[in-house]
Amino acid sequence: MKNIVHGVGRPRLNLGEIKAIVLPLPPLAEQERIVAEVERRLSVIEEQEVVVTASLKRAARLRQSILERAFSGRLLS
């Protein structure tokens, strides 16, 4: 693409040049494997989001509990 980009101050491509660019794609089986792996990783991320959200809620409750005990004088007992 470096060979077809033109312009000095604002490098650009026209529509005809963009249409002429050949983008190699992996075979369909490889594309399907890529999609499956991305979906697997997204599901792991979603599971981790649930864990993090639950942990944040628990931390907030613990913080409130500690503050409540501190202000009521029961923190050291």
PDB file of N, CA and C in Angstrom:
ATOM      1  N   MET A   1       0.832  -1.196   0.000  1.00  0.00           N
ATOM      2  CA  MET A   1       0.000   0.000   0.000  1.00  0.00           C
ATOM      3  C   MET A   1       0.871   1.253   0.000  1.00  0.00           C
ATOM      4  N   LYS A   2       2.058   1.141   0.590  1.00  0.00           N
ATOM      5  CA  LYS A   2       2.932   2.320   0.618  1.00  0.00           C
ATOM      6  C   LYS A   2       3.225   2.833  -0.787  1.00  0.00           C
ATOM      7  N   ASN A   3       3.241   1.910  -1.767  1.00  0.00           N
ATOM      8  CA  ASN A   3       3.575   2.306  -3.138  1.00  0.00           C
ATOM      9  C   ASN A   3       2.445   3.063  -3.825  1.00  0.00           C
ATOM     10  N   ILE A   4       1.205   2.903  -3.361  1.00  0.00           N
ATOM     11  CA  ILE A   4       0.096   3.567  -4.057  1.00  0.00           C
ATOM     12  C   ILE A   4      -0.458   4.778  -3.305  1.00  0.00           C
ATOM     13  N   VAL A   5      -0.053   4.977  -2.066  1.00  0.00           N
ATOM     14  CA  VAL A   5      -0.508   6.154  -1.314  1.00  0.00           C
ATOM     15  C   VAL A   5       0.133   7.386  -1.929  1.00  0.00           C
ATOM     16  N   HIS A   6      -0.661   8.421  -2.120  1.00  0.00           N
ATOM     17  CA  HIS A   6      -0.110   9.662  -2.689  1.00  0.00           C
ATOM     18  C   HIS A   6      -0.521  10.839  -1.833  1.00  0.00           C
ATOM     19  N   GLY A   7       0.175  11.930  -2.014  1.00  0.00           N
ATOM     20  CA  GLY A   7      -0.085  13.126  -1.235  1.00  0.00           C
ATOM     21  C   GLY A   7       1.015  13.313  -0.219  1.00  0.00           C
ATOM     22  N   VAL A   8       1.421  14.538  -0.014  1.00  0.00           N
ATOM     23  CA  VAL A   8       2.514  14.828   0.904  1.00  0.00           C
ATOM     24  C   VAL A   8       1.984  15.257   2.263  1.00  0.00           C
ATOM     25  N   GLY A   9       1.161  16.277   2.277  1.00  0.00           N
ATOM     26  CA  GLY A   9       0.648  16.798   3.544  1.00  0.00           C
ATOM     27  C   GLY A   9      -0.408  15.908   4.151  1.00  0.00           C
ATOM     28  N   ARG A  10      -1.195  15.256   3.293  1.00  0.00           N
ATOM     29  CA  ARG A  10      -2.281  14.387   3.757  1.00  0.00           C
ATOM     30  C   ARG A  10      -2.324  13.139   2.875  1.00  0.00           C
ATOM     31  N   PRO A  11      -1.558  12.126   3.243  1.00  0.00           N
ATOM     32  CA  PRO A  11      -1.531  10.911   2.419  1.00  0.00           C
ATOM     33  C   PRO A  11      -2.937  10.330   2.268  1.00  0.00           C
ATOM     34  N   ARG A  12      -3.264   9.861   1.033  1.00  0.00           N
ATOM     35  CA  ARG A  12      -4.609   9.357   0.804  1.00  0.00           C
ATOM     36  C   ARG A  12      -4.616   8.336  -0.332  1.00  0.00           C
ATOM     37  N   LEU A  13      -5.746   7.652  -0.452  1.00  0.00           N
ATOM     38  CA  LEU A  13      -6.020   6.721  -1.546  1.00  0.00           C
ATOM     39  C   LEU A  13      -7.367   7.076  -2.132  1.00  0.00           C
ATOM     40  N   ASN A  14      -7.492   6.915  -3.450  1.00  0.00           N
ATOM     41  CA  ASN A  14      -8.821   7.128  -4.030  1.00  0.00           C
ATOM     42  C   ASN A  14      -9.563   5.795  -4.080  1.00  0.00           C
ATOM     43  N   LEU A  15     -10.844   5.830  -4.417  1.00  0.00           N
ATOM     44  CA  LEU A  15     -11.680   4.637  -4.375  1.00  0.00           C
ATOM     45  C   LEU A  15     -11.167   3.539  -5.295  1.00  0.00           C
ATOM     46  N   GLY A  16     -10.724   3.909  -6.475  1.00  0.00           N
ATOM     47  CA  GLY A  16     -10.193   2.915  -7.404  1.00  0.00           C
ATOM     48  C   GLY A  16      -8.977   2.207  -6.834  1.00  0.00           C
ATOM     49  N   GLU A  17      -8.119   2.944  -6.165  1.00  0.00           N
ATOM     50  CA  GLU A  17      -6.931   2.345  -5.550  1.00  0.00           C
ATOM     51  C   GLU A  17      -7.315   1.421  -4.394  1.00  0.00           C
ATOM     52  N   ILE A  18      -8.304   1.830  -3.635  1.00  0.00           N
ATOM     53  CA  ILE A  18      -8.755   0.989  -2.521  1.00  0.00           C
ATOM     54  C   ILE A  18      -9.350  -0.313  -3.050  1.00  0.00           C
ATOM     55  N   LYS A  19     -10.160  -0.232  -4.121  1.00  0.00           N
ATOM     56  CA  LYS A  19     -10.764  -1.434  -4.693  1.00  0.00           C
ATOM     57  C   LYS A  19      -9.717  -2.388  -5.262  1.00  0.00           C
ATOM     58  N   ALA A  20      -8.581  -1.844  -5.666  1.00  0.00           N
ATOM     59  CA  ALA A  20      -7.541  -2.677  -6.278  1.00  0.00           C
ATOM     60  C   ALA A  20      -6.690  -3.417  -5.242  1.00  0.00           C
ATOM     61  N   ILE A  21      -6.823  -3.082  -3.979  1.00  0.00           N
ATOM     62  CA  ILE A  21      -6.015  -3.726  -2.944  1.00  0.00           C
ATOM     63  C   ILE A  21      -6.498  -5.152  -2.739  1.00  0.00           C
ATOM     64  N   VAL A  22      -5.573  -6.084  -2.786  1.00  0.00           N
ATOM     65  CA  VAL A  22      -5.895  -7.492  -2.577  1.00  0.00           C
ATOM     66  C   VAL A  22      -5.550  -7.843  -1.135  1.00  0.00           C
ATOM     67  N   LEU A  23      -6.553  -8.297  -0.398  1.00  0.00           N
ATOM     68  CA  LEU A  23      -6.336  -8.704   0.992  1.00  0.00           C
ATOM     69  C   LEU A  23      -6.424 -10.226   1.067  1.00  0.00           C
ATOM     70  N   PRO A  24      -5.321 -10.864   1.370  1.00  0.00           N
ATOM     71  CA  PRO A  24      -5.379 -12.320   1.467  1.00  0.00           C
ATOM     72  C   PRO A  24      -6.177 -12.750   2.696  1.00  0.00           C
ATOM     73  N   LEU A  25      -7.029 -13.738   2.526  1.00  0.00           N
ATOM     74  CA  LEU A  25      -7.817 -14.286   3.621  1.00  0.00           C
ATOM     75  C   LEU A  25      -7.414 -15.735   3.847  1.00  0.00           C
ATOM     76  N   PRO A  26      -7.414 -16.154   5.101  1.00  0.00           N
ATOM     77  CA  PRO A  26      -7.109 -17.571   5.351  1.00  0.00           C
ATOM     78  C   PRO A  26      -8.255 -18.439   4.835  1.00  0.00           C
ATOM     79  N   PRO A  27      -7.997 -19.724   4.655  1.00  0.00           N
ATOM     80  CA  PRO A  27      -9.063 -20.630   4.224  1.00  0.00           C
ATOM     81  C   PRO A  27     -10.234 -20.601   5.208  1.00  0.00           C
ATOM     82  N   LEU A  28     -11.408 -20.978   4.728  1.00  0.00           N
ATOM     83  CA  LEU A  28     -12.625 -20.926   5.537  1.00  0.00           C
ATOM     84  C   LEU A  28     -12.476 -21.711   6.844  1.00  0.00           C
ATOM     85  N   ALA A  29     -11.836 -22.867   6.790  1.00  0.00           N
ATOM     86  CA  ALA A  29     -11.664 -23.668   8.006  1.00  0.00           C
ATOM     87  C   ALA A  29     -10.848 -22.899   9.053  1.00  0.00           C
ATOM     88  N   GLU A  30      -9.826 -22.190   8.601  1.00  0.00           N
ATOM     89  CA  GLU A  30      -9.011 -21.393   9.528  1.00  0.00           C
ATOM     90  C   GLU A  30      -9.812 -20.220  10.079  1.00  0.00           C
ATOM     91  N   GLN A  31     -10.626 -19.585   9.232  1.00  0.00           N
ATOM     92  CA  GLN A  31     -11.482 -18.501   9.700  1.00  0.00           C
ATOM     93  C   GLN A  31     -12.439 -19.006  10.778  1.00  0.00           C
ATOM     94  N   GLU A  32     -12.990 -20.188  10.575  1.00  0.00           N
ATOM     95  CA  GLU A  32     -13.909 -20.764  11.558  1.00  0.00           C
ATOM     96  C   GLU A  32     -13.192 -21.064  12.864  1.00  0.00           C
ATOM     97  N   ARG A  33     -11.953 -21.550  12.783  1.00  0.00           N
ATOM     98  CA  ARG A  33     -11.176 -21.790  14.011  1.00  0.00           C
ATOM     99  C   ARG A  33     -10.897 -20.479  14.748  1.00  0.00           C
ATOM    100  N   ILE A  34     -10.601 -19.443  13.979  1.00  0.00           N
ATOM    101  CA  ILE A  34     -10.343 -18.119  14.587  1.00  0.00           C
ATOM    102  C   ILE A  34     -11.594 -17.618  15.305  1.00  0.00           C
ATOM    103  N   VAL A  35     -12.737 -17.722  14.642  1.00  0.00           N
ATOM    104  CA  VAL A  35     -13.999 -17.278  15.240  1.00  0.00           C
ATOM    105  C   VAL A  35     -14.286 -18.070  16.511  1.00  0.00           C
ATOM    106  N   ALA A  36     -14.081 -19.393  16.466  1.00  0.00           N
ATOM    107  CA  ALA A  36     -14.335 -20.232  17.647  1.00  0.00           C
ATOM    108  C   ALA A  36     -13.430 -19.818  18.806  1.00  0.00           C
ATOM    109  N   GLU A  37     -12.170 -19.530  18.516  1.00  0.00           N
ATOM    110  CA  GLU A  37     -11.237 -19.129  19.571  1.00  0.00           C
ATOM    111  C   GLU A  37     -11.609 -17.761  20.144  1.00  0.00           C
ATOM    112  N   VAL A  38     -11.994 -16.831  19.290  1.00  0.00           N
ATOM    113  CA  VAL A  38     -12.419 -15.505  19.769  1.00  0.00           C
ATOM    114  C   VAL A  38     -13.655 -15.644  20.655  1.00  0.00           C
ATOM    115  N   GLU A  39     -14.620 -16.470  20.226  1.00  0.00           N
ATOM    116  CA  GLU A  39     -15.831 -16.670  21.031  1.00  0.00           C
ATOM    117  C   GLU A  39     -15.494 -17.313  22.374  1.00  0.00           C
ATOM    118  N   ARG A  40     -14.554 -18.275  22.367  1.00  0.00           N
ATOM    119  CA  ARG A  40     -14.140 -18.916  23.620  1.00  0.00           C
ATOM    120  C   ARG A  40     -13.531 -17.894  24.567  1.00  0.00           C
ATOM    121  N   ARG A  41     -12.662 -17.064  24.023  1.00  0.00           N
ATOM    122  CA  ARG A  41     -12.008 -16.057  24.866  1.00  0.00           C
ATOM    123  C   ARG A  41     -13.005 -15.016  25.372  1.00  0.00           C
ATOM    124  N   LEU A  42     -13.956 -14.633  24.538  1.00  0.00           N
ATOM    125  CA  LEU A  42     -14.977 -13.687  24.987  1.00  0.00           C
ATOM    126  C   LEU A  42     -15.809 -14.280  26.113  1.00  0.00           C
ATOM    127  N   SER A  43     -16.088 -15.579  26.044  1.00  0.00           N
ATOM    128  CA  SER A  43     -16.865 -16.205  27.109  1.00  0.00           C
ATOM    129  C   SER A  43     -16.064 -16.249  28.404  1.00  0.00           C
ATOM    130  N   VAL A  44     -14.749 -16.459  28.303  1.00  0.00           N
ATOM    131  CA  VAL A  44     -13.891 -16.417  29.500  1.00  0.00           C
ATOM    132  C   VAL A  44     -13.908 -15.011  30.092  1.00  0.00           C
ATOM    133  N   ILE A  45     -13.842 -14.007  29.236  1.00  0.00           N
ATOM    134  CA  ILE A  45     -13.877 -12.615  29.703  1.00  0.00           C
ATOM    135  C   ILE A  45     -15.198 -12.323  30.408  1.00  0.00           C
ATOM    136  N   GLU A  46     -16.299 -12.780  29.832  1.00  0.00           N
ATOM    137  CA  GLU A  46     -17.609 -12.552  30.448  1.00  0.00           C
ATOM    138  C   GLU A  46     -17.681 -13.206  31.823  1.00  0.00           C
ATOM    139  N   GLU A  47     -17.129 -14.415  31.945  1.00  0.00           N
ATOM    140  CA  GLU A  47     -17.108 -15.085  33.251  1.00  0.00           C
ATOM    141  C   GLU A  47     -16.284 -14.283  34.252  1.00  0.00           C
ATOM    142  N   GLN A  48     -15.162 -13.756  33.809  1.00  0.00           N
ATOM    143  CA  GLN A  48     -14.314 -12.963  34.691  1.00  0.00           C
ATOM    144  C   GLN A  48     -15.000 -11.664  35.101  1.00  0.00           C
ATOM    145  N   GLU A  49     -15.769 -11.079  34.185  1.00  0.00           N
ATOM    146  CA  GLU A  49     -16.523  -9.866  34.520  1.00  0.00           C
ATOM    147  C   GLU A  49     -17.510 -10.141  35.644  1.00  0.00           C
ATOM    148  N   VAL A  50     -18.157 -11.302  35.605  1.00  0.00           N
ATOM    149  CA  VAL A  50     -19.103 -11.672  36.658  1.00  0.00           C
ATOM    150  C   VAL A  50     -18.363 -11.792  37.990  1.00  0.00           C
ATOM    151  N   VAL A  51     -17.202 -12.444  37.969  1.00  0.00           N
ATOM    152  CA  VAL A  51     -16.416 -12.622  39.194  1.00  0.00           C
ATOM    153  C   VAL A  51     -15.956 -11.270  39.733  1.00  0.00           C
ATOM    154  N   VAL A  52     -15.467 -10.411  38.856  1.00  0.00           N
ATOM    155  CA  VAL A  52     -14.981  -9.089  39.289  1.00  0.00           C
ATOM    156  C   VAL A  52     -16.125  -8.258  39.856  1.00  0.00           C
ATOM    157  N   THR A  53     -17.269  -8.285  39.196  1.00  0.00           N
ATOM    158  CA  THR A  53     -18.423  -7.527  39.687  1.00  0.00           C
ATOM    159  C   THR A  53     -18.843  -8.002  41.073  1.00  0.00           C
ATOM    160  N   ALA A  54     -18.894  -9.315  41.262  1.00  0.00           N
ATOM    161  CA  ALA A  54     -19.262  -9.866  42.568  1.00  0.00           C
ATOM    162  C   ALA A  54     -18.217  -9.481  43.618  1.00  0.00           C
ATOM    163  N   SER A  55     -16.956  -9.521  43.247  1.00  0.00           N
ATOM    164  CA  SER A  55     -15.887  -9.161  44.182  1.00  0.00           C
ATOM    165  C   SER A  55     -15.954  -7.683  44.568  1.00  0.00           C
ATOM    166  N   LEU A  56     -16.260  -6.831  43.613  1.00  0.00           N
ATOM    167  CA  LEU A  56     -16.386  -5.399  43.909  1.00  0.00           C
ATOM    168  C   LEU A  56     -17.554  -5.136  44.854  1.00  0.00           C
ATOM    169  N   LYS A  57     -18.666  -5.833  44.627  1.00  0.00           N
ATOM    170  CA  LYS A  57     -19.818  -5.670  45.517  1.00  0.00           C
ATOM    171  C   LYS A  57     -19.467  -6.146  46.925  1.00  0.00           C
ATOM    172  N   ARG A  58     -18.774  -7.279  47.012  1.00  0.00           N
ATOM    173  CA  ARG A  58     -18.373  -7.814  48.319  1.00  0.00           C
ATOM    174  C   ARG A  58     -17.422  -6.845  49.019  1.00  0.00           C
ATOM    175  N   ALA A  59     -16.469  -6.285  48.274  1.00  0.00           N
ATOM    176  CA  ALA A  59     -15.523  -5.330  48.854  1.00  0.00           C
ATOM    177  C   ALA A  59     -16.247  -4.092  49.376  1.00  0.00           C
ATOM    178  N   ALA A  60     -17.248  -3.631  48.640  1.00  0.00           N
ATOM    179  CA  ALA A  60     -18.020  -2.454  49.085  1.00  0.00           C
ATOM    180  C   ALA A  60     -18.774  -2.768  50.375  1.00  0.00           C
ATOM    181  N   ARG A  61     -19.366  -3.974  50.451  1.00  0.00           N
ATOM    182  CA  ARG A  61     -20.086  -4.354  51.674  1.00  0.00           C
ATOM    183  C   ARG A  61     -19.126  -4.458  52.858  1.00  0.00           C
ATOM    184  N   LEU A  62     -17.945  -5.051  52.621  1.00  0.00           N
ATOM    185  CA  LEU A  62     -16.957  -5.174  53.700  1.00  0.00           C
ATOM    186  C   LEU A  62     -16.486  -3.806  54.165  1.00  0.00           C
ATOM    187  N   ARG A  63     -16.282  -2.904  53.218  1.00  0.00           N
ATOM    188  CA  ARG A  63     -15.853  -1.543  53.568  1.00  0.00           C
ATOM    189  C   ARG A  63     -16.905  -0.865  54.440  1.00  0.00           C
ATOM    190  N   GLN A  64     -18.159  -0.990  54.028  1.00  0.00           N
ATOM    191  CA  GLN A  64     -19.231  -0.385  54.811  1.00  0.00           C
ATOM    192  C   GLN A  64     -19.299  -1.000  56.204  1.00  0.00           C
ATOM    193  N   SER A  65     -19.113  -2.284  56.285  1.00  0.00           N
ATOM    194  CA  SER A  65     -19.140  -2.975  57.579  1.00  0.00           C
ATOM    195  C   SER A  65     -18.012  -2.487  58.481  1.00  0.00           C
ATOM    196  N   ILE A  66     -16.830  -2.345  57.905  1.00  0.00           N
ATOM    197  CA  ILE A  66     -15.677  -1.862  58.679  1.00  0.00           C
ATOM    198  C   ILE A  66     -15.919  -0.434  59.137  1.00  0.00           C
ATOM    199  N   LEU A  67     -16.422   0.419  58.252  1.00  0.00           N
ATOM    200  CA  LEU A  67     -16.703   1.807  58.640  1.00  0.00           C
ATOM    201  C   LEU A  67     -17.771   1.869  59.730  1.00  0.00           C
ATOM    202  N   GLU A  68     -18.785   1.053  59.594  1.00  0.00           N
ATOM    203  CA  GLU A  68     -19.855   1.030  60.595  1.00  0.00           C
ATOM    204  C   GLU A  68     -19.284   0.634  61.958  1.00  0.00           C
ATOM    205  N   ARG A  69     -18.450  -0.391  61.980  1.00  0.00           N
ATOM    206  CA  ARG A  69     -17.834  -0.816  63.243  1.00  0.00           C
ATOM    207  C   ARG A  69     -16.903   0.249  63.798  1.00  0.00           C
ATOM    208  N   ALA A  70     -16.143   0.899  62.917  1.00  0.00           N
ATOM    209  CA  ALA A  70     -15.206   1.924  63.373  1.00  0.00           C
ATOM    210  C   ALA A  70     -15.958   3.090  64.010  1.00  0.00           C
ATOM    211  N   PHE A  71     -17.029   3.541  63.387  1.00  0.00           N
ATOM    212  CA  PHE A  71     -17.751   4.694  63.911  1.00  0.00           C
ATOM    213  C   PHE A  71     -18.626   4.357  65.110  1.00  0.00           C
ATOM    214  N   SER A  72     -18.894   3.074  65.316  1.00  0.00           N
ATOM    215  CA  SER A  72     -19.678   2.685  66.492  1.00  0.00           C
ATOM    216  C   SER A  72     -18.778   2.240  67.649  1.00  0.00           C
ATOM    217  N   GLY A  73     -17.467   2.270  67.427  1.00  0.00           N
ATOM    218  CA  GLY A  73     -16.525   1.902  68.486  1.00  0.00           C
ATOM    219  C   GLY A  73     -16.352   0.421  68.653  1.00  0.00           C
ATOM    220  N   ARG A  74     -16.784  -0.388  67.702  1.00  0.00           N
ATOM    221  CA  ARG A  74     -16.683  -1.838  67.819  1.00  0.00           C
ATOM    222  C   ARG A  74     -15.579  -2.417  66.937  1.00  0.00           C
ATOM    223  N   LEU A  75     -14.711  -1.602  66.385  1.00  0.00           N
ATOM    224  CA  LEU A  75     -13.698  -2.088  65.453  1.00  0.00           C
ATOM    225  C   LEU A  75     -12.658  -2.940  66.138  1.00  0.00           C
ATOM    226  N   LEU A  76     -12.271  -2.599  67.361  1.00  0.00           N
ATOM    227  CA  LEU A  76     -11.198  -3.307  68.045  1.00  0.00           C
ATOM    228  C   LEU A  76     -11.691  -4.500  68.841  1.00  0.00           C
ATOM    229  N   SER A  77     -12.954  -4.657  69.023  1.00  0.00           N
ATOM    230  CA  SER A  77     -13.441  -5.759  69.854  1.00  0.00           C
ATOM    231  C   SER A  77     -13.714  -7.003  69.061  1.00  0.00           C
TER     232      SER A  77
END
